[in-house]
Amino acid sequence: MMRVLAAVLVAFGLTAASAVASVEDQIRERIAPVGKVCLEGEDCGSAAAAPATASSDGPRAGDEVYNSACTACHATGAAGAPIVGDAGAWGARIDKGMETLIDHAINGFQGMPPKGGCGSCSDEEIEAAVQHMVDASQ
């Protein structure tokens, strides 16, 4: 009887250990990094790992940049951002001139980070986005 009990316990122990190992493997798989940082100048192993570059088709249009980078704040008023289309909110800003608006957009101003947080946007694209927002807010 003891041998049977010992055999059952050993079998259960092996099964439990196997189940724990399986769960641990599943956890490792779920929390594994989904990518890796490849700094310019480093050999990261493959062309697929190469850093993204701007499209060679030229700068994006103002509405495209607005929709991808600016809308989160300028459609909701987050962090005090003037809502696009609200002429009252934009009036005094527009009166300061496009040069000032573009400077604030590129370099950051009050709650807005430089380029509105769009690190991949060129200055020309930011300028186009500002023009788009001003046109829609007059």
Protein backbone atom coordinates (compact mmCIF):
# COMPACT_ATOMS: atom_id res chain seq x y z
CA MET A 1 0.00 0.00 0.00
CA MET A 2 2.86 2.35 0.84
CA ARG A 3 4.46 1.70 -2.53
CA VAL A 4 1.22 2.53 -4.31
CA LEU A 5 0.80 5.71 -2.29
CA ALA A 6 4.40 6.67 -2.95
CA ALA A 7 3.95 5.98 -6.66
CA VAL A 8 0.79 8.08 -6.73
CA LEU A 9 2.51 10.93 -4.93
CA VAL A 10 5.52 10.77 -7.23
CA ALA A 11 3.27 10.70 -10.28
CA PHE A 12 1.22 13.60 -8.92
CA GLY A 13 4.40 15.51 -8.09
CA LEU A 14 5.74 15.07 -11.58
CA THR A 15 2.42 16.14 -13.08
CA ALA A 16 2.19 19.16 -10.80
CA ALA A 17 5.77 20.15 -11.58
CA SER A 18 5.05 19.77 -15.26
CA ALA A 19 1.92 21.93 -14.93
CA VAL A 20 3.85 24.62 -13.02
CA ALA A 21 6.60 24.60 -15.65
CA SER A 22 3.97 24.90 -18.37
CA VAL A 23 2.34 27.86 -16.63
CA GLU A 24 5.73 29.50 -16.11
CA ASP A 25 6.53 29.03 -19.81
CA GLN A 26 3.20 30.62 -20.73
CA ILE A 27 3.91 33.57 -18.44
CA ARG A 28 7.39 34.05 -19.92
CA GLU A 29 5.87 33.96 -23.41
CA ARG A 30 3.21 36.56 -22.53
CA ILE A 31 5.65 39.01 -20.95
CA ALA A 32 8.43 38.58 -23.51
CA PRO A 33 9.43 41.80 -25.29
CA VAL A 34 7.59 42.37 -28.54
CA GLY A 35 10.51 44.15 -30.11
CA LYS A 36 13.91 45.54 -29.45
CA VAL A 37 15.47 48.96 -29.67
CA CYS A 38 17.93 49.31 -32.49
CA LEU A 39 19.98 52.49 -32.28
CA GLU A 40 21.32 54.08 -35.43
CA GLY A 41 24.76 52.70 -36.22
CA GLU A 42 24.19 49.39 -34.43
CA ASP A 43 23.98 46.11 -36.30
CA CYS A 44 20.68 44.72 -35.08
CA GLY A 45 20.76 41.55 -37.08
CA SER A 46 18.30 42.07 -39.92
CA ALA A 47 16.84 44.59 -42.28
CA ALA A 48 13.45 43.99 -40.65
CA ALA A 49 14.86 45.42 -37.43
CA ALA A 50 16.04 48.61 -39.12
CA PRO A 51 14.57 51.79 -37.67
CA ALA A 52 11.60 53.26 -39.45
CA THR A 53 12.38 56.15 -41.73
CA ALA A 54 10.18 58.81 -43.17
CA SER A 55 8.52 58.04 -46.44
CA SER A 56 10.36 59.25 -49.50
CA ASP A 57 7.07 60.47 -50.95
CA GLY A 58 7.59 63.86 -49.31
CA PRO A 59 5.95 65.50 -46.33
CA ARG A 60 2.48 64.50 -45.23
CA ALA A 61 -0.44 66.87 -45.70
CA GLY A 62 -1.60 68.99 -42.77
CA ASP A 63 -4.85 67.10 -42.29
CA GLU A 64 -3.00 63.78 -42.25
CA VAL A 65 -0.57 65.00 -39.59
CA TYR A 66 -3.45 66.51 -37.60
CA ASN A 67 -5.42 63.26 -37.73
CA SER A 68 -2.44 61.15 -36.67
CA ALA A 69 -0.73 63.39 -34.13
CA CYS A 70 -2.76 66.44 -33.11
CA THR A 71 -6.33 65.26 -32.82
CA ALA A 72 -5.92 63.61 -29.40
CA CYS A 73 -5.61 67.02 -27.75
CA HIS A 74 -6.99 69.46 -30.31
CA ALA A 75 -10.26 67.56 -30.73
CA THR A 76 -10.85 67.21 -26.98
CA GLY A 77 -9.21 70.23 -25.39
CA ALA A 78 -6.87 68.04 -23.35
CA ALA A 79 -4.21 69.97 -21.40
CA GLY A 80 -5.81 73.26 -22.42
CA ALA A 81 -5.34 72.72 -26.17
CA PRO A 82 -7.67 74.89 -28.27
CA ILE A 83 -10.25 72.73 -30.01
CA VAL A 84 -10.08 72.86 -33.78
CA GLY A 85 -13.12 74.68 -35.14
CA ASP A 86 -13.58 76.84 -32.01
CA ALA A 87 -12.94 80.31 -33.45
CA GLY A 88 -13.14 81.88 -29.98
CA ALA A 89 -10.40 79.65 -28.62
CA TRP A 90 -8.19 80.21 -31.65
CA GLY A 91 -8.80 83.92 -32.28
CA ALA A 92 -6.20 85.37 -29.90
CA ARG A 93 -3.72 82.70 -30.92
CA ILE A 94 -4.19 83.39 -34.62
CA ASP A 95 -3.75 87.12 -33.90
CA LYS A 96 -0.20 86.37 -32.67
CA GLY A 97 0.67 85.28 -36.20
CA MET A 98 1.55 82.05 -37.95
CA GLU A 99 5.23 82.39 -37.09
CA THR A 100 4.43 82.30 -33.36
CA LEU A 101 1.95 79.43 -33.74
CA ILE A 102 4.44 77.38 -35.72
CA ASP A 103 7.23 78.15 -33.25
CA HIS A 104 5.03 77.00 -30.35
CA ALA A 105 4.03 73.86 -32.24
CA ILE A 106 7.61 72.92 -33.15
CA ASN A 107 9.28 73.84 -29.85
CA GLY A 108 6.41 73.17 -27.45
CA PHE A 109 4.35 75.62 -25.45
CA GLN A 110 2.74 75.37 -22.02
CA GLY A 111 1.21 71.85 -21.87
CA MET A 112 2.14 70.89 -25.42
CA PRO A 113 5.41 69.03 -25.93
CA PRO A 114 7.65 69.86 -28.90
CA LYS A 115 5.95 68.85 -32.14
CA GLY A 116 2.96 67.78 -30.10
CA GLY A 117 4.87 64.62 -29.25
CA CYS A 118 5.21 63.60 -32.91
CA GLY A 119 8.90 62.77 -33.05
CA SER A 120 8.61 61.50 -36.61
CA CYS A 121 7.06 64.73 -37.91
CA SER A 122 9.24 67.16 -39.82
CA ASP A 123 9.03 70.90 -39.17
CA GLU A 124 7.34 71.22 -42.56
CA GLU A 125 4.68 68.69 -41.56
CA ILE A 126 4.06 70.49 -38.25
CA GLU A 127 3.69 73.76 -40.16
CA ALA A 128 1.14 72.12 -42.47
CA ALA A 129 -0.79 70.75 -39.48
CA VAL A 130 -0.87 74.19 -37.85
CA GLN A 131 -2.12 75.73 -41.09
CA HIS A 132 -4.81 73.03 -41.30
CA MET A 133 -5.98 73.77 -37.75
CA VAL A 134 -5.97 77.53 -38.29
CA ASP A 135 -7.92 77.19 -41.56
CA ALA A 136 -10.52 75.05 -39.79
CA SER A 137 -10.79 77.45 -36.86
CA GLN A 138 -11.32 80.86 -38.46
